[in-house]
Amino acid sequence: MKKNIFIISIIVIAVALIGSWLIDFGELGTAGLKEAGIYQEERQEGIKGQVTLGINDGENEIKISAAEFVEGMTAFNLLENAIKEKSAVLKTQKSSFGVMVLALEGKENGADGKYWMYYVNGELPQVSADKMALKPGDKVEFRFEKSSF
């Protein structure tokens, strides 16, 4: 009987120790992982990174600039900010579909059957540039080219 009580006591103590270790693991374990450099905060202050903008005016001139990524940034915001920095001229038109680039770098839509189109990571999006949300690392290119439509 004393032997059974002793075994039960050992089991209860072991369960209590393991339980308290599991409860504390959240704090202590996280601290240890942070020190080891393998823990990432779930709540980040903000997503950091860069996005890249290229402008090809149809004469193989590619102007590239990089900008810090800002949460909620769109392809059009990226273009607009770059144009403001360079004091270049950008003509746009708003419609129910979104903003359309009419002229950029002195090249107007329709000239030689070419139009301003934009690509994100090499793909032509199905939404207007002001509705295309970017992610860190995205590469945006505005090209003055003949439309395939």
Protein backbone atom coordinates (compact mmCIF):
# COMPACT_ATOMS: atom_id res chain seq x y z
CA MET A 1 0.00 0.00 0.00
CA LYS A 2 2.82 2.39 0.90
CA LYS A 3 4.49 1.38 -2.34
CA ASN A 4 1.34 2.35 -4.34
CA ILE A 5 1.10 5.73 -2.58
CA PHE A 6 4.78 6.35 -3.31
CA ILE A 7 4.33 5.51 -7.03
CA ILE A 8 1.21 7.69 -7.29
CA SER A 9 3.06 10.56 -5.57
CA ILE A 10 5.95 10.26 -8.05
CA ILE A 11 3.51 10.28 -10.98
CA VAL A 12 1.64 13.34 -9.62
CA ILE A 13 4.91 15.22 -9.08
CA ALA A 14 6.15 14.29 -12.57
CA VAL A 15 2.88 15.45 -14.17
CA ALA A 16 3.01 18.71 -12.18
CA LEU A 17 6.60 19.37 -13.23
CA ILE A 18 5.92 18.59 -16.89
CA GLY A 19 2.75 20.73 -16.82
CA SER A 20 4.52 23.71 -15.31
CA TRP A 21 7.37 23.32 -17.80
CA LEU A 22 4.87 23.33 -20.69
CA ILE A 23 3.09 26.40 -19.34
CA ASP A 24 6.36 28.29 -18.88
CA PHE A 25 7.74 27.14 -22.23
CA GLY A 26 5.89 29.99 -23.95
CA GLU A 27 7.99 32.60 -22.15
CA LEU A 28 11.21 30.75 -21.47
CA GLY A 29 11.20 28.86 -24.74
CA THR A 30 10.61 32.00 -26.77
CA ALA A 31 13.40 33.82 -24.98
CA GLY A 32 15.78 30.95 -25.67
CA LEU A 33 14.80 30.80 -29.32
CA LYS A 34 15.22 34.57 -29.66
CA GLU A 35 18.72 34.34 -28.22
CA ALA A 36 19.54 31.55 -30.64
CA GLY A 37 18.29 33.76 -33.50
CA ILE A 38 15.71 31.28 -34.77
CA TYR A 39 12.55 32.91 -33.43
CA GLN A 40 10.61 35.45 -35.47
CA GLU A 41 8.13 37.83 -33.91
CA GLU A 42 4.58 37.14 -35.02
CA ARG A 43 3.69 40.80 -34.81
CA GLN A 44 6.08 42.74 -36.95
CA GLU A 45 6.28 46.50 -36.70
CA GLY A 46 5.95 46.68 -40.45
CA ILE A 47 6.93 44.65 -43.45
CA LYS A 48 10.26 45.85 -44.74
CA GLY A 49 11.75 45.43 -48.13
CA GLN A 50 12.01 47.10 -51.48
CA VAL A 51 10.03 47.24 -54.68
CA THR A 52 11.55 48.01 -58.06
CA LEU A 53 10.19 50.18 -60.86
CA GLY A 54 11.29 50.02 -64.47
CA ILE A 55 10.10 52.32 -67.26
CA ASN A 56 10.61 51.24 -70.87
CA ASP A 57 9.60 53.99 -73.30
CA GLY A 58 9.67 51.70 -76.33
CA GLU A 59 13.15 52.72 -77.44
CA ASN A 60 14.89 50.17 -75.23
CA GLU A 61 15.57 52.79 -72.61
CA ILE A 62 14.91 51.18 -69.28
CA LYS A 63 14.97 53.46 -66.30
CA ILE A 64 15.09 51.57 -63.03
CA SER A 65 14.56 52.84 -59.52
CA ALA A 66 14.00 51.16 -56.19
CA ALA A 67 11.78 52.31 -53.34
CA GLU A 68 11.14 51.19 -49.81
CA PHE A 69 8.01 49.06 -49.58
CA VAL A 70 5.10 50.66 -47.72
CA GLU A 71 2.10 48.61 -46.58
CA GLY A 72 -0.82 49.22 -48.98
CA MET A 73 1.43 50.47 -51.80
CA THR A 74 0.13 49.95 -55.34
CA ALA A 75 1.90 49.82 -58.69
CA PHE A 76 0.49 53.26 -59.48
CA ASN A 77 1.74 54.73 -56.16
CA LEU A 78 5.22 53.48 -57.04
CA LEU A 79 5.09 55.12 -60.48
CA GLU A 80 3.59 58.35 -59.15
CA ASN A 81 6.26 58.73 -56.46
CA ALA A 82 9.09 58.06 -58.92
CA ILE A 83 7.69 60.60 -61.40
CA LYS A 84 7.38 63.26 -58.67
CA GLU A 85 11.02 62.70 -57.66
CA LYS A 86 12.20 63.15 -61.26
CA SER A 87 9.82 66.06 -62.02
CA ALA A 88 8.64 64.18 -65.11
CA VAL A 89 5.21 64.50 -66.70
CA LEU A 90 2.56 61.85 -66.11
CA LYS A 91 -0.93 62.12 -67.60
CA THR A 92 -3.64 59.83 -66.29
CA GLN A 93 -7.36 59.31 -66.56
CA LYS A 94 -9.62 57.91 -63.86
CA SER A 95 -12.53 55.66 -64.74
CA SER A 96 -14.71 53.10 -63.01
CA PHE A 97 -12.00 50.53 -63.80
CA GLY A 98 -9.26 52.58 -62.15
CA VAL A 99 -6.45 54.88 -63.24
CA MET A 100 -5.09 54.57 -66.77
CA VAL A 101 -1.73 56.03 -67.82
CA LEU A 102 -2.31 58.21 -70.91
CA ALA A 103 1.19 59.67 -71.30
CA LEU A 104 4.55 59.19 -69.64
CA GLU A 105 8.06 60.34 -70.53
CA GLY A 106 6.61 62.24 -73.53
CA LYS A 107 5.05 59.12 -75.04
CA GLU A 108 1.25 59.25 -75.48
CA ASN A 109 -1.12 56.31 -75.84
CA GLY A 110 -1.98 55.53 -79.45
CA ALA A 111 1.27 56.82 -80.97
CA ASP A 112 2.45 54.19 -83.47
CA GLY A 113 -0.24 51.85 -82.11
CA LYS A 114 1.55 51.68 -78.76
CA TYR A 115 0.09 52.04 -75.29
CA TRP A 116 1.39 52.19 -71.73
CA MET A 117 0.98 48.82 -70.09
CA TYR A 118 2.39 47.61 -66.83
CA TYR A 119 3.72 44.30 -65.57
CA VAL A 120 4.36 42.97 -62.08
CA ASN A 121 7.06 40.33 -61.84
CA GLY A 122 6.88 39.88 -65.62
CA GLU A 123 3.12 39.29 -65.74
CA LEU A 124 0.36 41.55 -67.04
CA PRO A 125 -2.12 42.04 -64.16
CA GLN A 126 -5.86 41.92 -64.75
CA VAL A 127 -6.51 45.09 -62.71
CA SER A 128 -5.52 48.73 -63.10
CA ALA A 129 -2.23 49.86 -61.57
CA ASP A 130 -3.98 51.77 -58.76
CA LYS A 131 -5.69 48.56 -57.64
CA MET A 132 -2.61 46.32 -57.84
CA ALA A 133 -1.29 45.90 -54.29
CA LEU A 134 2.42 45.24 -54.13
CA LYS A 135 4.50 43.01 -51.88
CA PRO A 136 8.12 43.41 -50.83
CA GLY A 137 10.40 42.29 -53.64
CA ASP A 138 7.92 42.97 -56.46
CA LYS A 139 9.28 44.26 -59.75
CA VAL A 140 6.98 46.65 -61.61
CA GLU A 141 7.63 47.70 -65.19
CA PHE A 142 5.68 50.21 -67.25
CA ARG A 143 6.21 49.53 -70.97
CA PHE A 144 5.22 51.57 -74.00
CA GLU A 145 4.37 48.82 -76.47
CA LYS A 146 1.87 47.51 -78.99
CA SER A 147 -1.11 45.91 -77.36
CA SER A 148 -1.89 42.29 -78.08
CA PHE A 149 -5.60 43.00 -77.59
